[in-house]
Every structure is written in structure tokens, then in C-alpha cells.
């Protein structure tokens, strides 16, 4: 329903954009042309929003490739630097990863993992640290996202299970929902552990090692 609705809305916006382009051709002064140009920018922004919304309800079939765990971690950290920009430098990384193979769709899994880190910064409490730990453990590759949190707005195990549920007024509740779908396609496990005495939430994402 959401994909059908957003498709119809985008078609309607495209029609409005075409009409705005026609109006721009009829305009006889620069001020009117400038206003119509700004209108088309606003239409384009709304169209992209609907496109992004629709994409969060669908995940393509992953094209899996074999990726060494150390290279995977290095490339993912580089991706975070582009996704989070200056905020990525605030993450304290620890751990050591053995040379083990993973089977992943690189672009897809980086997108899903990044959502957890983005979410951590979006909901970070003032003065709290964000850290990450990567390790090869018990035949798996694991990334832990560790956040200082004194209060949880809701049980973490429910975050992203259902779409369109968000504690943020301007949020759509689709980021972690989409990320969970990506993890499921990679047979990755997602668990949460909250230590109330230490005030720390640990999000643990575990990937199976690729079979020989």
C-alpha cells in the first residue's frame, strides 16, 4: 500500500513539475522565473522523499561476494566517514579481526549497518560516548555498537520490528526497519544488551563466516 501510494504521489508531483516548467517558459520577467525555479526545487525535494520512503519497504535480492573480515571492517569504517562525516571521528574503535571470509552484498550491508550508527548519534544523550568493538568470535564475525544511555525510551529489541513507529517527532520509523531486513537477508543475528548499572546499551550484530 505504501509503495503504491508513494508511486501515485510521485506521479502527481512529476505532473506538477512539468506544468511548472511550462509556466517558466511563459514567464516574461526574471523574478517570476526565479520563483518557478525555486518551486521546482521544492517539488524535486518532495519527490525524493517519497522515493526514499518507498525504498525502505523493499529490499532487493542481495548479490553476495566473498569479503575478508579485516577488509570489510576497514571499508565499512571508511563508509561511515562519508555517511556520518565529522561524527565518525567520535567513534572509539577497539578489537582485532582475524582473516576470515564473509559472504555479503557490500553496498547493501554497509547501508544497513550505517543505519545503526546513524541512529546512535541521532538519539545520543548529551555528553555520552559512542564506541564500537569488532572481533572474530566462535566462528562468527561480530560488531558491537556501545552507547552510553541512562534512559531507554522503549525496549531496544522492539526497535525497527514494525515500520512507522518512531519516538522522534519528525521520524518515520523506517531506518532500523529497513536495516533489520538487510541483516535478515545476510543471516546476521541482532541482539541488544542493556546494563542499567553502567548506563550502557550494546547493540550486537553477528555474521556467519562463509562456508568453504
C-alpha atoms as a PDB file:
ATOM      1  CA  UNK A   1       0.000   0.000   0.000  1.00  0.00           C
ATOM      2  CA  UNK A   2       2.785   2.428   0.928  1.00  0.00           C
ATOM      3  CA  UNK A   3       4.726   1.712  -2.261  1.00  0.00           C
ATOM      4  CA  UNK A   4       1.567   2.158  -4.359  1.00  0.00           C
ATOM      5  CA  UNK A   5       0.662   5.374  -2.555  1.00  0.00           C
ATOM      6  CA  UNK A   6       4.139   6.894  -2.887  1.00  0.00           C
ATOM      7  CA  UNK A   7       4.232   5.891  -6.569  1.00  0.00           C
ATOM      8  CA  UNK A   8       0.974   7.741  -7.212  1.00  0.00           C
ATOM      9  CA  UNK A   9       2.172  10.767  -5.225  1.00  0.00           C
ATOM     10  CA  UNK A  10       5.421  10.912  -7.213  1.00  0.00           C
ATOM     11  CA  UNK A  11       3.489  10.730 -10.482  1.00  0.00           C
ATOM     12  CA  UNK A  12       1.363  13.636  -9.325  1.00  0.00           C
ATOM     13  CA  UNK A  13       4.435  15.670  -8.362  1.00  0.00           C
ATOM     14  CA  UNK A  14       6.047  14.933 -11.725  1.00  0.00           C
ATOM     15  CA  UNK A  15       2.943  16.344 -13.428  1.00  0.00           C
ATOM     16  CA  UNK A  16       3.138  19.462 -11.283  1.00  0.00           C
ATOM     17  CA  UNK A  17       6.836  19.803 -12.162  1.00  0.00           C
ATOM     18  CA  UNK A  18       6.066  19.593 -15.892  1.00  0.00           C
ATOM     19  CA  UNK A  19       3.413  22.264 -15.503  1.00  0.00           C
ATOM     20  CA  UNK A  20       5.881  24.447 -13.577  1.00  0.00           C
ATOM     21  CA  UNK A  21       8.405  24.042 -16.386  1.00  0.00           C
ATOM     22  CA  UNK A  22       5.769  25.220 -18.866  1.00  0.00           C
ATOM     23  CA  UNK A  23       4.961  28.230 -16.667  1.00  0.00           C
ATOM     24  CA  UNK A  24       8.671  29.096 -16.573  1.00  0.00           C
ATOM     25  CA  UNK A  25       8.719  29.234 -20.367  1.00  0.00           C
ATOM     26  CA  UNK A  26       5.775  31.634 -20.338  1.00  0.00           C
ATOM     27  CA  UNK A  27       7.302  33.901 -17.686  1.00  0.00           C
ATOM     28  CA  UNK A  28       8.299  37.311 -19.016  1.00  0.00           C
ATOM     29  CA  UNK A  29      10.456  38.543 -16.140  1.00  0.00           C
ATOM     30  CA  UNK A  30      13.448  37.167 -14.203  1.00  0.00           C
ATOM     31  CA  UNK A  31      11.733  37.364 -10.818  1.00  0.00           C
ATOM     32  CA  UNK A  32       8.919  35.067 -11.910  1.00  0.00           C
ATOM     33  CA  UNK A  33      11.381  32.627 -13.479  1.00  0.00           C
ATOM     34  CA  UNK A  34      13.374  32.560 -10.235  1.00  0.00           C
ATOM     35  CA  UNK A  35      10.247  31.804  -8.200  1.00  0.00           C
ATOM     36  CA  UNK A  36       9.233  28.996 -10.536  1.00  0.00           C
ATOM     37  CA  UNK A  37      12.750  27.570 -10.356  1.00  0.00           C
ATOM     38  CA  UNK A  38      12.534  27.525  -6.554  1.00  0.00           C
ATOM     39  CA  UNK A  39       9.141  25.823  -6.825  1.00  0.00           C
ATOM     40  CA  UNK A  40      10.660  23.070  -8.972  1.00  0.00           C
ATOM     41  CA  UNK A  41      13.422  22.562  -6.394  1.00  0.00           C
ATOM     42  CA  UNK A  42      10.757  22.080  -3.712  1.00  0.00           C
ATOM     43  CA  UNK A  43       8.890  19.603  -5.918  1.00  0.00           C
ATOM     44  CA  UNK A  44      12.096  17.667  -6.551  1.00  0.00           C
ATOM     45  CA  UNK A  45      12.803  17.504  -2.821  1.00  0.00           C
ATOM     46  CA  UNK A  46       9.329  16.123  -2.104  1.00  0.00           C
ATOM     47  CA  UNK A  47       9.677  13.574  -4.906  1.00  0.00           C
ATOM     48  CA  UNK A  48      12.975  12.306  -3.488  1.00  0.00           C
ATOM     49  CA  UNK A  49      11.373  11.995  -0.055  1.00  0.00           C
ATOM     50  CA  UNK A  50       8.622   9.763  -1.434  1.00  0.00           C
ATOM     51  CA  UNK A  51      11.184   7.736  -3.368  1.00  0.00           C
ATOM     52  CA  UNK A  52      13.245   7.177  -0.220  1.00  0.00           C
ATOM     53  CA  UNK A  53      10.136   6.262   1.758  1.00  0.00           C
ATOM     54  CA  UNK A  54       9.097   3.676  -0.817  1.00  0.00           C
ATOM     55  CA  UNK A  55      12.599   2.157  -0.956  1.00  0.00           C
ATOM     56  CA  UNK A  56      12.559   1.464   2.798  1.00  0.00           C
ATOM     57  CA  UNK A  57       9.705  -1.006   2.302  1.00  0.00           C
ATOM     58  CA  UNK A  58      11.566  -3.165  -0.195  1.00  0.00           C
ATOM     59  CA  UNK A  59      14.938  -4.923  -0.216  1.00  0.00           C
ATOM     60  CA  UNK A  60      16.437  -6.330  -3.398  1.00  0.00           C
ATOM     61  CA  UNK A  61      17.902  -9.811  -3.627  1.00  0.00           C
ATOM     62  CA  UNK A  62      21.499  -9.482  -2.368  1.00  0.00           C
ATOM     63  CA  UNK A  63      24.373 -10.188  -4.740  1.00  0.00           C
ATOM     64  CA  UNK A  64      26.746 -11.908  -2.330  1.00  0.00           C
ATOM     65  CA  UNK A  65      30.515 -11.812  -2.736  1.00  0.00           C
ATOM     66  CA  UNK A  66      33.276 -13.198  -0.555  1.00  0.00           C
ATOM     67  CA  UNK A  67      34.894 -10.473   1.556  1.00  0.00           C
ATOM     68  CA  UNK A  68      37.656 -10.817   4.100  1.00  0.00           C
ATOM     69  CA  UNK A  69      36.602  -9.628   7.552  1.00  0.00           C
ATOM     70  CA  UNK A  70      39.538  -7.194   8.045  1.00  0.00           C
ATOM     71  CA  UNK A  71      38.897  -5.576   4.647  1.00  0.00           C
ATOM     72  CA  UNK A  72      35.167  -5.491   5.351  1.00  0.00           C
ATOM     73  CA  UNK A  73      35.780  -3.633   8.611  1.00  0.00           C
ATOM     74  CA  UNK A  74      38.242  -1.200   7.037  1.00  0.00           C
ATOM     75  CA  UNK A  75      35.906  -0.385   4.152  1.00  0.00           C
ATOM     76  CA  UNK A  76      32.923  -0.043   6.470  1.00  0.00           C
ATOM     77  CA  UNK A  77      34.772   2.455   8.636  1.00  0.00           C
ATOM     78  CA  UNK A  78      35.622   4.437   5.505  1.00  0.00           C
ATOM     79  CA  UNK A  79      31.951   4.377   4.560  1.00  0.00           C
ATOM     80  CA  UNK A  80      30.995   5.722   7.988  1.00  0.00           C
ATOM     81  CA  UNK A  81      33.344   8.654   7.465  1.00  0.00           C
ATOM     82  CA  UNK A  82      31.352   9.616   4.383  1.00  0.00           C
ATOM     83  CA  UNK A  83      27.950   8.835   5.885  1.00  0.00           C
ATOM     84  CA  UNK A  84      28.468  10.439   9.293  1.00  0.00           C
ATOM     85  CA  UNK A  85      31.136  12.927   8.202  1.00  0.00           C
ATOM     86  CA  UNK A  86      32.778  14.553  11.242  1.00  0.00           C
ATOM     87  CA  UNK A  87      30.755  12.473  13.678  1.00  0.00           C
ATOM     88  CA  UNK A  88      32.554   9.298  12.581  1.00  0.00           C
ATOM     89  CA  UNK A  89      35.730  10.569  14.277  1.00  0.00           C
ATOM     90  CA  UNK A  90      33.902  10.481  17.605  1.00  0.00           C
ATOM     91  CA  UNK A  91      33.555   6.690  17.497  1.00  0.00           C
ATOM     92  CA  UNK A  92      36.161   4.829  19.549  1.00  0.00           C
ATOM     93  CA  UNK A  93      37.008   1.538  17.818  1.00  0.00           C
ATOM     94  CA  UNK A  94      38.570  -1.477  19.559  1.00  0.00           C
ATOM     95  CA  UNK A  95      39.097  -5.138  18.744  1.00  0.00           C
ATOM     96  CA  UNK A  96      41.074  -7.323  16.391  1.00  0.00           C
ATOM     97  CA  UNK A  97      39.626  -9.236  13.460  1.00  0.00           C
ATOM     98  CA  UNK A  98      41.070 -12.458  12.078  1.00  0.00           C
ATOM     99  CA  UNK A  99      41.440 -13.146   8.353  1.00  0.00           C
ATOM    100  CA  UNK A 100      38.114 -14.948   7.872  1.00  0.00           C
ATOM    101  CA  UNK A 101      35.726 -14.892   4.866  1.00  0.00           C
ATOM    102  CA  UNK A 102      32.272 -13.326   4.855  1.00  0.00           C
ATOM    103  CA  UNK A 103      29.539 -13.516   2.221  1.00  0.00           C
ATOM    104  CA  UNK A 104      27.885 -10.132   1.817  1.00  0.00           C
ATOM    105  CA  UNK A 105      26.325  -7.703  -0.596  1.00  0.00           C
ATOM    106  CA  UNK A 106      28.754  -4.907   0.195  1.00  0.00           C
ATOM    107  CA  UNK A 107      26.646  -1.850  -0.633  1.00  0.00           C
ATOM    108  CA  UNK A 108      23.544  -3.312   0.938  1.00  0.00           C
ATOM    109  CA  UNK A 109      25.114  -4.401   4.218  1.00  0.00           C
ATOM    110  CA  UNK A 110      27.070  -1.158   4.605  1.00  0.00           C
ATOM    111  CA  UNK A 111      23.792   0.714   4.227  1.00  0.00           C
ATOM    112  CA  UNK A 112      22.123  -1.416   6.889  1.00  0.00           C
ATOM    113  CA  UNK A 113      24.976  -1.239   9.385  1.00  0.00           C
ATOM    114  CA  UNK A 114      25.351   2.503   8.927  1.00  0.00           C
ATOM    115  CA  UNK A 115      21.745   2.966   9.994  1.00  0.00           C
ATOM    116  CA  UNK A 116      22.515   1.658  13.493  1.00  0.00           C
ATOM    117  CA  UNK A 117      25.404   4.086  13.893  1.00  0.00           C
ATOM    118  CA  UNK A 118      23.372   6.974  12.496  1.00  0.00           C
ATOM    119  CA  UNK A 119      20.567   6.110  14.887  1.00  0.00           C
ATOM    120  CA  UNK A 120      23.021   6.098  17.807  1.00  0.00           C
ATOM    121  CA  UNK A 121      24.134   9.645  17.030  1.00  0.00           C
ATOM    122  CA  UNK A 122      20.619  10.887  16.320  1.00  0.00           C
ATOM    123  CA  UNK A 123      19.451   9.723  19.758  1.00  0.00           C
ATOM    124  CA  UNK A 124      22.681  10.246  21.709  1.00  0.00           C
ATOM    125  CA  UNK A 125      22.327  11.682  25.188  1.00  0.00           C
ATOM    126  CA  UNK A 126      24.348  14.800  25.940  1.00  0.00           C
ATOM    127  CA  UNK A 127      27.899  14.001  26.981  1.00  0.00           C
ATOM    128  CA  UNK A 128      27.617  10.264  26.284  1.00  0.00           C
ATOM    129  CA  UNK A 129      30.212   8.347  24.294  1.00  0.00           C
ATOM    130  CA  UNK A 130      29.730   6.030  21.328  1.00  0.00           C
ATOM    131  CA  UNK A 131      32.161   3.165  20.828  1.00  0.00           C
ATOM    132  CA  UNK A 132      32.425   0.092  18.616  1.00  0.00           C
ATOM    133  CA  UNK A 133      34.163  -3.245  19.028  1.00  0.00           C
ATOM    134  CA  UNK A 134      34.839  -5.724  16.230  1.00  0.00           C
ATOM    135  CA  UNK A 135      36.027  -9.296  16.702  1.00  0.00           C
ATOM    136  CA  UNK A 136      36.069 -12.786  15.278  1.00  0.00           C
ATOM    137  CA  UNK A 137      34.406 -14.997  17.848  1.00  0.00           C
ATOM    138  CA  UNK A 138      33.141 -18.596  17.970  1.00  0.00           C
ATOM    139  CA  UNK A 139      33.114 -18.989  14.206  1.00  0.00           C
ATOM    140  CA  UNK A 140      31.426 -15.638  13.620  1.00  0.00           C
ATOM    141  CA  UNK A 141      32.294 -12.057  12.832  1.00  0.00           C
ATOM    142  CA  UNK A 142      30.811  -9.586  15.264  1.00  0.00           C
ATOM    143  CA  UNK A 143      30.404  -5.831  15.556  1.00  0.00           C
ATOM    144  CA  UNK A 144      29.260  -4.301  18.827  1.00  0.00           C
ATOM    145  CA  UNK A 145      27.939  -0.758  18.997  1.00  0.00           C
ATOM    146  CA  UNK A 146      28.229   0.565  22.538  1.00  0.00           C
ATOM    147  CA  UNK A 147      26.301   3.642  23.628  1.00  0.00           C
ATOM    148  CA  UNK A 148      26.187   5.440  26.942  1.00  0.00           C
ATOM    149  CA  UNK A 149      22.498   5.641  27.884  1.00  0.00           C
ATOM    150  CA  UNK A 150      20.911   6.452  31.220  1.00  0.00           C
ATOM    151  CA  UNK A 151      17.347   6.025  29.936  1.00  0.00           C
ATOM    152  CA  UNK A 152      15.785   3.864  27.222  1.00  0.00           C
ATOM    153  CA  UNK A 153      12.641   5.248  25.566  1.00  0.00           C
ATOM    154  CA  UNK A 154      11.401   1.714  24.817  1.00  0.00           C
ATOM    155  CA  UNK A 155      12.723  -1.883  24.784  1.00  0.00           C
ATOM    156  CA  UNK A 156      15.556  -1.988  22.194  1.00  0.00           C
ATOM    157  CA  UNK A 157      14.506  -5.444  20.994  1.00  0.00           C
ATOM    158  CA  UNK A 158      11.400  -3.801  19.514  1.00  0.00           C
ATOM    159  CA  UNK A 159      13.267  -1.056  17.649  1.00  0.00           C
ATOM    160  CA  UNK A 160      12.648  -1.394  13.941  1.00  0.00           C
ATOM    161  CA  UNK A 161      10.493  -4.505  14.209  1.00  0.00           C
ATOM    162  CA  UNK A 162       7.433  -2.654  12.937  1.00  0.00           C
ATOM    163  CA  UNK A 163       7.553   0.261  10.465  1.00  0.00           C
ATOM    164  CA  UNK A 164       6.187   3.753  11.015  1.00  0.00           C
ATOM    165  CA  UNK A 165       6.843   3.765  14.763  1.00  0.00           C
ATOM    166  CA  UNK A 166       9.245   6.434  15.971  1.00  0.00           C
ATOM    167  CA  UNK A 167       9.894   8.372  19.183  1.00  0.00           C
ATOM    168  CA  UNK A 168      11.148  11.278  17.084  1.00  0.00           C
ATOM    169  CA  UNK A 169       8.520  13.784  16.015  1.00  0.00           C
ATOM    170  CA  UNK A 170       9.965  14.173  12.512  1.00  0.00           C
ATOM    171  CA  UNK A 171      10.895  10.490  12.109  1.00  0.00           C
ATOM    172  CA  UNK A 172       9.173   7.817  10.024  1.00  0.00           C
ATOM    173  CA  UNK A 173      10.435   4.779  11.928  1.00  0.00           C
ATOM    174  CA  UNK A 174      11.861   3.163   8.805  1.00  0.00           C
ATOM    175  CA  UNK A 175      15.648   3.296   9.216  1.00  0.00           C
ATOM    176  CA  UNK A 176      16.093   0.352  11.576  1.00  0.00           C
ATOM    177  CA  UNK A 177      13.124  -1.430   9.999  1.00  0.00           C
ATOM    178  CA  UNK A 178      14.945  -1.440   6.665  1.00  0.00           C
ATOM    179  CA  UNK A 179      18.270  -2.302   8.317  1.00  0.00           C
ATOM    180  CA  UNK A 180      16.700  -5.333  10.013  1.00  0.00           C
ATOM    181  CA  UNK A 181      15.511  -6.622   6.639  1.00  0.00           C
ATOM    182  CA  UNK A 182      19.033  -6.315   5.258  1.00  0.00           C
ATOM    183  CA  UNK A 183      20.527  -8.181   8.220  1.00  0.00           C
ATOM    184  CA  UNK A 184      17.966 -10.967   7.835  1.00  0.00           C
ATOM    185  CA  UNK A 185      18.924 -11.460   4.172  1.00  0.00           C
ATOM    186  CA  UNK A 186      22.547 -11.865   5.316  1.00  0.00           C
ATOM    187  CA  UNK A 187      21.550 -14.341   8.056  1.00  0.00           C
ATOM    188  CA  UNK A 188      23.015 -11.976  10.629  1.00  0.00           C
ATOM    189  CA  UNK A 189      21.817 -12.008  14.226  1.00  0.00           C
ATOM    190  CA  UNK A 190      20.851  -8.802  16.028  1.00  0.00           C
ATOM    191  CA  UNK A 191      20.749  -8.639  19.829  1.00  0.00           C
ATOM    192  CA  UNK A 192      20.631  -5.861  22.410  1.00  0.00           C
ATOM    193  CA  UNK A 193      22.025  -5.817  25.917  1.00  0.00           C
ATOM    194  CA  UNK A 194      21.382  -3.003  28.365  1.00  0.00           C
ATOM    195  CA  UNK A 195      23.448  -2.643  31.547  1.00  0.00           C
ATOM    196  CA  UNK A 196      21.410  -0.250  33.667  1.00  0.00           C
ATOM    197  CA  UNK A 197      24.065  -0.003  36.392  1.00  0.00           C
ATOM    198  CA  UNK A 198      26.738   1.047  33.883  1.00  0.00           C
ATOM    199  CA  UNK A 199      24.291   3.021  31.762  1.00  0.00           C
ATOM    200  CA  UNK A 200      25.382   1.272  28.581  1.00  0.00           C
ATOM    201  CA  UNK A 201      23.459  -0.158  25.644  1.00  0.00           C
ATOM    202  CA  UNK A 202      25.255  -2.711  23.466  1.00  0.00           C
ATOM    203  CA  UNK A 203      23.885  -3.497  20.016  1.00  0.00           C
ATOM    204  CA  UNK A 204      25.481  -6.719  18.811  1.00  0.00           C
ATOM    205  CA  UNK A 205      25.439  -7.731  15.122  1.00  0.00           C
ATOM    206  CA  UNK A 206      26.824 -11.170  14.333  1.00  0.00           C
ATOM    207  CA  UNK A 207      27.616 -12.524  10.862  1.00  0.00           C
ATOM    208  CA  UNK A 208      28.258 -16.164   9.978  1.00  0.00           C
ATOM    209  CA  UNK A 209      31.591 -16.990   8.367  1.00  0.00           C
ATOM    210  CA  UNK A 210      31.313 -18.014   4.717  1.00  0.00           C
ATOM    211  CA  UNK A 211      31.443 -21.731   4.073  1.00  0.00           C
ATOM    212  CA  UNK A 212      34.467 -23.020   2.202  1.00  0.00           C
END
